[in-house]
Amino acid sequence: MADLDDNKLLRNISEAFKELAATVNAQTADVEVAPFSRACSLISPLFGCLGIAFKFAEIDYVAKVKDLAEASKSIGSLQALLEQDIAANTVKKAGSHSRNLLRVKRGLDMVRILFEQMLATEGNSLKDPASKAYAQVFAPHHVWAIRKAVAAGMYALPTKAQLLKKLNEEEASARIEMQSYIATSAPLIVYIDNLFLARELGVDW
């Protein structure tokens, strides 16, 4: 990872997910847990940059990515990770690698929709893009109290300009990297969903 430009988080994210998408699109190899968890860990600071509204998501996401990184020391692919939990009958058990994978996938999806909405929305406010991303991905799985807390936190979101400054990005470069992440994360998200759906495990739990 030494070749990564530490000051350009979005570029690092976009490069890492390009590699994962290439694996998915080639359909010749399974996605490995190690590069997957490494790419996902690059997303963690983004949640931090969004402030209090996404604090719960940041804490939850970081813990789940850490678990997958730990799992990568003994488990090769995402497919093997799921198979192992199926064999042990622990897929839906709290703290299982499979459950954590599903939670991490939601984090990736939330960022994808956030970027889509940011690119499609005029103005400097992040409230609309962030609210839509939250409503689509996390809200259906959260109890009322968390949804209420998130709604209140939306008023403390940084502006688009503040977010780009935190990310050390110009608007033009950020737009390119966001579009790249949207394009490369989509097939990966579908791939993970299909791992669960092909085994009739569902993804809404």
C-alpha atoms as a PDB file:
ATOM      1  CA  MET A   1       0.000   0.000   0.000  1.00  0.00           C
ATOM      2  CA  ALA A   2       3.060   2.263   0.114  1.00  0.00           C
ATOM      3  CA  ASP A   3       2.406   3.384  -3.453  1.00  0.00           C
ATOM      4  CA  LEU A   4      -0.852   5.050  -2.480  1.00  0.00           C
ATOM      5  CA  ASP A   5      -1.004   8.818  -2.453  1.00  0.00           C
ATOM      6  CA  ASP A   6      -2.052   9.396   1.163  1.00  0.00           C
ATOM      7  CA  ASN A   7      -3.401  12.861   0.444  1.00  0.00           C
ATOM      8  CA  LYS A   8      -5.821  11.701  -2.221  1.00  0.00           C
ATOM      9  CA  LEU A   9      -8.367   9.497  -0.484  1.00  0.00           C
ATOM     10  CA  LEU A  10     -10.860   9.471  -3.363  1.00  0.00           C
ATOM     11  CA  ARG A  11      -8.202   8.450  -5.882  1.00  0.00           C
ATOM     12  CA  ASN A  12      -7.009   5.668  -3.577  1.00  0.00           C
ATOM     13  CA  ILE A  13     -10.597   4.433  -3.178  1.00  0.00           C
ATOM     14  CA  SER A  14     -11.193   4.577  -6.925  1.00  0.00           C
ATOM     15  CA  GLU A  15      -7.989   2.629  -7.722  1.00  0.00           C
ATOM     16  CA  ALA A  16      -8.696  -0.085  -5.126  1.00  0.00           C
ATOM     17  CA  PHE A  17     -12.266  -0.638  -6.332  1.00  0.00           C
ATOM     18  CA  LYS A  18     -11.158  -0.671  -9.981  1.00  0.00           C
ATOM     19  CA  GLU A  19      -9.047  -3.727  -9.174  1.00  0.00           C
ATOM     20  CA  LEU A  20     -11.927  -5.479  -7.381  1.00  0.00           C
ATOM     21  CA  ALA A  21     -14.322  -4.699 -10.242  1.00  0.00           C
ATOM     22  CA  ALA A  22     -11.817  -6.154 -12.715  1.00  0.00           C
ATOM     23  CA  THR A  23     -11.882  -9.435 -10.747  1.00  0.00           C
ATOM     24  CA  VAL A  24     -15.694  -9.461 -10.674  1.00  0.00           C
ATOM     25  CA  ASN A  25     -16.015  -8.607 -14.367  1.00  0.00           C
ATOM     26  CA  ALA A  26     -13.435 -11.201 -15.436  1.00  0.00           C
ATOM     27  CA  GLN A  27     -15.561 -13.946 -13.814  1.00  0.00           C
ATOM     28  CA  THR A  28     -12.498 -16.178 -13.644  1.00  0.00           C
ATOM     29  CA  ALA A  29     -11.603 -15.792  -9.956  1.00  0.00           C
ATOM     30  CA  ASP A  30     -13.357 -15.285  -6.644  1.00  0.00           C
ATOM     31  CA  VAL A  31     -12.977 -11.947  -4.899  1.00  0.00           C
ATOM     32  CA  GLU A  32     -10.340 -12.373  -2.205  1.00  0.00           C
ATOM     33  CA  VAL A  33     -11.045 -11.219   1.342  1.00  0.00           C
ATOM     34  CA  ALA A  34      -7.690  -9.420   1.814  1.00  0.00           C
ATOM     35  CA  PRO A  35      -7.870  -6.892  -1.065  1.00  0.00           C
ATOM     36  CA  PHE A  36     -11.608  -6.501  -0.440  1.00  0.00           C
ATOM     37  CA  SER A  37     -11.131  -5.572   3.231  1.00  0.00           C
ATOM     38  CA  ARG A  38      -8.223  -3.272   2.309  1.00  0.00           C
ATOM     39  CA  ALA A  39     -10.358  -1.407  -0.241  1.00  0.00           C
ATOM     40  CA  CYS A  40     -13.241  -1.178   2.238  1.00  0.00           C
ATOM     41  CA  SER A  41     -10.961   0.267   4.925  1.00  0.00           C
ATOM     42  CA  LEU A  42     -10.231   3.212   2.600  1.00  0.00           C
ATOM     43  CA  ILE A  43     -13.939   4.136   2.775  1.00  0.00           C
ATOM     44  CA  SER A  44     -13.869   4.449   6.601  1.00  0.00           C
ATOM     45  CA  PRO A  45     -12.523   8.047   6.732  1.00  0.00           C
ATOM     46  CA  LEU A  46     -15.368   9.159   4.458  1.00  0.00           C
ATOM     47  CA  PHE A  47     -17.929   8.317   7.138  1.00  0.00           C
ATOM     48  CA  GLY A  48     -15.801  10.270   9.624  1.00  0.00           C
ATOM     49  CA  CYS A  49     -15.846  13.313   7.317  1.00  0.00           C
ATOM     50  CA  LEU A  50     -19.670  13.296   7.290  1.00  0.00           C
ATOM     51  CA  GLY A  51     -19.861  14.084  11.012  1.00  0.00           C
ATOM     52  CA  ILE A  52     -22.343  13.146  13.718  1.00  0.00           C
ATOM     53  CA  ALA A  53     -25.150  11.942  11.395  1.00  0.00           C
ATOM     54  CA  PHE A  54     -23.031   9.003  10.298  1.00  0.00           C
ATOM     55  CA  LYS A  55     -21.096   8.401  13.521  1.00  0.00           C
ATOM     56  CA  PHE A  56     -23.015   5.187  14.220  1.00  0.00           C
ATOM     57  CA  ALA A  57     -22.336   4.003  10.642  1.00  0.00           C
ATOM     58  CA  GLU A  58     -18.648   4.814  10.974  1.00  0.00           C
ATOM     59  CA  ILE A  59     -18.241   2.880  14.245  1.00  0.00           C
ATOM     60  CA  ASP A  60     -20.215  -0.096  12.941  1.00  0.00           C
ATOM     61  CA  TYR A  61     -18.523  -0.115   9.527  1.00  0.00           C
ATOM     62  CA  VAL A  62     -14.978   0.178  10.913  1.00  0.00           C
ATOM     63  CA  ALA A  63     -15.557  -2.731  13.321  1.00  0.00           C
ATOM     64  CA  LYS A  64     -16.987  -4.969  10.582  1.00  0.00           C
ATOM     65  CA  VAL A  65     -14.145  -4.172   8.136  1.00  0.00           C
ATOM     66  CA  LYS A  66     -11.634  -4.955  10.881  1.00  0.00           C
ATOM     67  CA  ASP A  67     -13.303  -8.343  11.381  1.00  0.00           C
ATOM     68  CA  LEU A  68     -13.041  -9.117   7.646  1.00  0.00           C
ATOM     69  CA  ALA A  69      -9.381  -8.035   7.602  1.00  0.00           C
ATOM     70  CA  GLU A  70      -8.762 -10.426  10.492  1.00  0.00           C
ATOM     71  CA  ALA A  71     -10.674 -13.194   8.682  1.00  0.00           C
ATOM     72  CA  SER A  72      -8.518 -12.675   5.562  1.00  0.00           C
ATOM     73  CA  LYS A  73      -5.550 -14.177   7.429  1.00  0.00           C
ATOM     74  CA  SER A  74      -7.199 -17.587   7.325  1.00  0.00           C
ATOM     75  CA  ILE A  75      -9.945 -17.341   4.660  1.00  0.00           C
ATOM     76  CA  GLY A  76      -9.081 -16.806   0.986  1.00  0.00           C
ATOM     77  CA  SER A  77     -12.232 -15.623  -0.778  1.00  0.00           C
ATOM     78  CA  LEU A  78     -15.614 -14.073   0.034  1.00  0.00           C
ATOM     79  CA  GLN A  79     -17.206 -17.257  -1.299  1.00  0.00           C
ATOM     80  CA  ALA A  80     -15.146 -19.411   1.082  1.00  0.00           C
ATOM     81  CA  LEU A  81     -16.047 -17.082   3.957  1.00  0.00           C
ATOM     82  CA  LEU A  82     -19.740 -17.610   3.317  1.00  0.00           C
ATOM     83  CA  GLU A  83     -19.363 -21.374   2.828  1.00  0.00           C
ATOM     84  CA  GLN A  84     -17.516 -21.630   6.145  1.00  0.00           C
ATOM     85  CA  ASP A  85     -20.352 -19.892   8.006  1.00  0.00           C
ATOM     86  CA  ILE A  86     -22.947 -22.052   6.223  1.00  0.00           C
ATOM     87  CA  ALA A  87     -21.082 -25.189   7.303  1.00  0.00           C
ATOM     88  CA  ALA A  88     -20.962 -23.926  10.902  1.00  0.00           C
ATOM     89  CA  ASN A  89     -24.605 -22.765  10.739  1.00  0.00           C
ATOM     90  CA  THR A  90     -23.564 -19.261  11.861  1.00  0.00           C
ATOM     91  CA  VAL A  91     -24.421 -17.147   8.780  1.00  0.00           C
ATOM     92  CA  LYS A  92     -27.035 -14.973  10.505  1.00  0.00           C
ATOM     93  CA  LYS A  93     -25.453 -15.070  13.934  1.00  0.00           C
ATOM     94  CA  ALA A  94     -24.424 -11.675  15.375  1.00  0.00           C
ATOM     95  CA  GLY A  95     -20.728 -11.147  14.756  1.00  0.00           C
ATOM     96  CA  SER A  96     -20.408 -13.774  12.010  1.00  0.00           C
ATOM     97  CA  HIS A  97     -18.156 -12.910   9.065  1.00  0.00           C
ATOM     98  CA  SER A  98     -21.102 -13.332   6.668  1.00  0.00           C
ATOM     99  CA  ARG A  99     -23.278 -10.923   8.636  1.00  0.00           C
ATOM    100  CA  ASN A 100     -20.401  -8.457   8.797  1.00  0.00           C
ATOM    101  CA  LEU A 101     -19.853  -8.780   5.047  1.00  0.00           C
ATOM    102  CA  LEU A 102     -23.489  -7.854   4.442  1.00  0.00           C
ATOM    103  CA  ARG A 103     -23.156  -4.810   6.738  1.00  0.00           C
ATOM    104  CA  VAL A 104     -19.962  -3.670   4.996  1.00  0.00           C
ATOM    105  CA  LYS A 105     -21.668  -4.090   1.616  1.00  0.00           C
ATOM    106  CA  ARG A 106     -24.395  -1.711   2.815  1.00  0.00           C
ATOM    107  CA  GLY A 107     -21.742   0.839   3.733  1.00  0.00           C
ATOM    108  CA  LEU A 108     -20.293   0.611   0.209  1.00  0.00           C
ATOM    109  CA  ASP A 109     -23.770   0.980  -1.271  1.00  0.00           C
ATOM    110  CA  MET A 110     -24.538   4.016   0.876  1.00  0.00           C
ATOM    111  CA  VAL A 111     -21.381   5.781  -0.324  1.00  0.00           C
ATOM    112  CA  ARG A 112     -22.206   4.853  -3.933  1.00  0.00           C
ATOM    113  CA  ILE A 113     -25.670   6.429  -3.694  1.00  0.00           C
ATOM    114  CA  LEU A 114     -24.285   9.430  -1.802  1.00  0.00           C
ATOM    115  CA  PHE A 115     -21.790  10.073  -4.632  1.00  0.00           C
ATOM    116  CA  GLU A 116     -24.517   9.617  -7.277  1.00  0.00           C
ATOM    117  CA  GLN A 117     -26.738  12.107  -5.485  1.00  0.00           C
ATOM    118  CA  MET A 118     -23.881  14.575  -4.954  1.00  0.00           C
ATOM    119  CA  LEU A 119     -23.099  14.541  -8.671  1.00  0.00           C
ATOM    120  CA  ALA A 120     -26.774  14.934  -9.581  1.00  0.00           C
ATOM    121  CA  THR A 121     -27.606  17.686  -7.078  1.00  0.00           C
ATOM    122  CA  GLU A 122     -26.928  21.363  -7.593  1.00  0.00           C
ATOM    123  CA  GLY A 123     -25.809  23.583  -4.730  1.00  0.00           C
ATOM    124  CA  ASN A 124     -23.518  23.174  -1.758  1.00  0.00           C
ATOM    125  CA  SER A 125     -25.733  21.232   0.665  1.00  0.00           C
ATOM    126  CA  LEU A 126     -25.146  17.559   1.432  1.00  0.00           C
ATOM    127  CA  LYS A 127     -28.407  17.166   3.330  1.00  0.00           C
ATOM    128  CA  ASP A 128     -30.437  15.942   0.362  1.00  0.00           C
ATOM    129  CA  PRO A 129     -27.821  13.523  -1.059  1.00  0.00           C
ATOM    130  CA  ALA A 130     -27.011  12.101   2.401  1.00  0.00           C
ATOM    131  CA  SER A 131     -30.699  11.794   3.398  1.00  0.00           C
ATOM    132  CA  LYS A 132     -31.539   9.929   0.190  1.00  0.00           C
ATOM    133  CA  ALA A 133     -28.557   7.579   0.541  1.00  0.00           C
ATOM    134  CA  TYR A 134     -29.446   6.849   4.169  1.00  0.00           C
ATOM    135  CA  ALA A 135     -33.140   6.328   3.377  1.00  0.00           C
ATOM    136  CA  GLN A 136     -32.370   3.831   0.607  1.00  0.00           C
ATOM    137  CA  VAL A 137     -29.711   1.745   2.325  1.00  0.00           C
ATOM    138  CA  PHE A 138     -29.723   1.986   6.121  1.00  0.00           C
ATOM    139  CA  ALA A 139     -33.143   3.286   7.200  1.00  0.00           C
ATOM    140  CA  PRO A 140     -35.057   0.044   6.433  1.00  0.00           C
ATOM    141  CA  HIS A 141     -32.751  -1.811   8.856  1.00  0.00           C
ATOM    142  CA  HIS A 142     -32.706   0.750  11.667  1.00  0.00           C
ATOM    143  CA  VAL A 143     -35.045   1.166  14.612  1.00  0.00           C
ATOM    144  CA  TRP A 144     -36.969   4.416  14.960  1.00  0.00           C
ATOM    145  CA  ALA A 145     -34.594   5.885  17.574  1.00  0.00           C
ATOM    146  CA  ILE A 146     -31.557   5.575  15.297  1.00  0.00           C
ATOM    147  CA  ARG A 147     -33.474   6.979  12.306  1.00  0.00           C
ATOM    148  CA  LYS A 148     -34.518   9.938  14.481  1.00  0.00           C
ATOM    149  CA  ALA A 149     -30.936  10.560  15.642  1.00  0.00           C
ATOM    150  CA  VAL A 150     -29.652  10.424  12.073  1.00  0.00           C
ATOM    151  CA  ALA A 151     -32.327  12.870  10.885  1.00  0.00           C
ATOM    152  CA  ALA A 152     -31.245  15.312  13.614  1.00  0.00           C
ATOM    153  CA  GLY A 153     -27.594  14.832  12.687  1.00  0.00           C
ATOM    154  CA  MET A 154     -28.274  15.705   9.039  1.00  0.00           C
ATOM    155  CA  TYR A 155     -28.393  19.364  10.069  1.00  0.00           C
ATOM    156  CA  ALA A 156     -24.750  19.150  11.141  1.00  0.00           C
ATOM    157  CA  LEU A 157     -23.429  17.738   7.868  1.00  0.00           C
ATOM    158  CA  PRO A 158     -20.540  19.577   6.241  1.00  0.00           C
ATOM    159  CA  THR A 159     -21.230  21.400   2.969  1.00  0.00           C
ATOM    160  CA  LYS A 160     -19.978  19.849  -0.275  1.00  0.00           C
ATOM    161  CA  ALA A 161     -17.154  22.401  -0.304  1.00  0.00           C
ATOM    162  CA  GLN A 162     -16.171  21.539   3.285  1.00  0.00           C
ATOM    163  CA  LEU A 163     -16.234  17.824   2.515  1.00  0.00           C
ATOM    164  CA  LEU A 164     -13.996  18.263  -0.544  1.00  0.00           C
ATOM    165  CA  LYS A 165     -11.603  20.352   1.534  1.00  0.00           C
ATOM    166  CA  LYS A 166     -11.429  17.594   4.171  1.00  0.00           C
ATOM    167  CA  LEU A 167     -10.748  15.110   1.374  1.00  0.00           C
ATOM    168  CA  ASN A 168      -8.091  17.393  -0.122  1.00  0.00           C
ATOM    169  CA  GLU A 169      -9.941  17.433  -3.454  1.00  0.00           C
ATOM    170  CA  GLU A 170     -10.810  19.928  -6.159  1.00  0.00           C
ATOM    171  CA  GLU A 171     -14.345  19.649  -7.505  1.00  0.00           C
ATOM    172  CA  ALA A 172     -13.223  18.469 -10.969  1.00  0.00           C
ATOM    173  CA  SER A 173     -10.942  15.711  -9.663  1.00  0.00           C
ATOM    174  CA  ALA A 174     -13.497  14.639  -7.047  1.00  0.00           C
ATOM    175  CA  ARG A 175     -16.157  14.288  -9.738  1.00  0.00           C
ATOM    176  CA  ILE A 176     -13.928  11.934 -11.778  1.00  0.00           C
ATOM    177  CA  GLU A 177     -13.037   9.747  -8.760  1.00  0.00           C
ATOM    178  CA  MET A 178     -16.658   9.636  -7.537  1.00  0.00           C
ATOM    179  CA  GLN A 179     -17.865   8.539 -10.978  1.00  0.00           C
ATOM    180  CA  SER A 180     -15.167   5.873 -11.021  1.00  0.00           C
ATOM    181  CA  TYR A 181     -16.247   4.551  -7.593  1.00  0.00           C
ATOM    182  CA  ILE A 182     -19.927   4.522  -8.652  1.00  0.00           C
ATOM    183  CA  ALA A 183     -19.033   2.485 -11.752  1.00  0.00           C
ATOM    184  CA  THR A 184     -16.672   0.035 -10.032  1.00  0.00           C
ATOM    185  CA  SER A 185     -18.558  -0.534  -6.770  1.00  0.00           C
ATOM    186  CA  ALA A 186     -21.860  -1.383  -8.510  1.00  0.00           C
ATOM    187  CA  PRO A 187     -20.759  -4.776  -9.954  1.00  0.00           C
ATOM    188  CA  LEU A 188     -19.047  -5.639  -6.664  1.00  0.00           C
ATOM    189  CA  ILE A 189     -22.214  -4.907  -4.669  1.00  0.00           C
ATOM    190  CA  VAL A 190     -24.238  -7.081  -7.080  1.00  0.00           C
ATOM    191  CA  TYR A 191     -21.587  -9.817  -6.785  1.00  0.00           C
ATOM    192  CA  ILE A 192     -21.879  -9.846  -2.967  1.00  0.00           C
ATOM    193  CA  ASP A 193     -25.689  -9.853  -3.089  1.00  0.00           C
ATOM    194  CA  ASN A 194     -25.558 -12.781  -5.505  1.00  0.00           C
ATOM    195  CA  LEU A 195     -23.293 -14.772  -3.169  1.00  0.00           C
ATOM    196  CA  PHE A 196     -26.111 -14.644  -0.598  1.00  0.00           C
ATOM    197  CA  LEU A 197     -29.037 -14.958  -3.012  1.00  0.00           C
ATOM    198  CA  ALA A 198     -27.544 -17.963  -4.826  1.00  0.00           C
ATOM    199  CA  ARG A 199     -27.528 -19.769  -1.483  1.00  0.00           C
ATOM    200  CA  GLU A 200     -31.080 -18.627  -0.697  1.00  0.00           C
ATOM    201  CA  LEU A 201     -29.877 -16.642   2.331  1.00  0.00           C
ATOM    202  CA  GLY A 202     -31.508 -13.352   1.341  1.00  0.00           C
ATOM    203  CA  VAL A 203     -29.914  -9.945   1.930  1.00  0.00           C
ATOM    204  CA  ASP A 204     -32.577  -8.125   3.974  1.00  0.00           C
ATOM    205  CA  TRP A 205     -31.622  -9.157   7.469  1.00  0.00           C
END
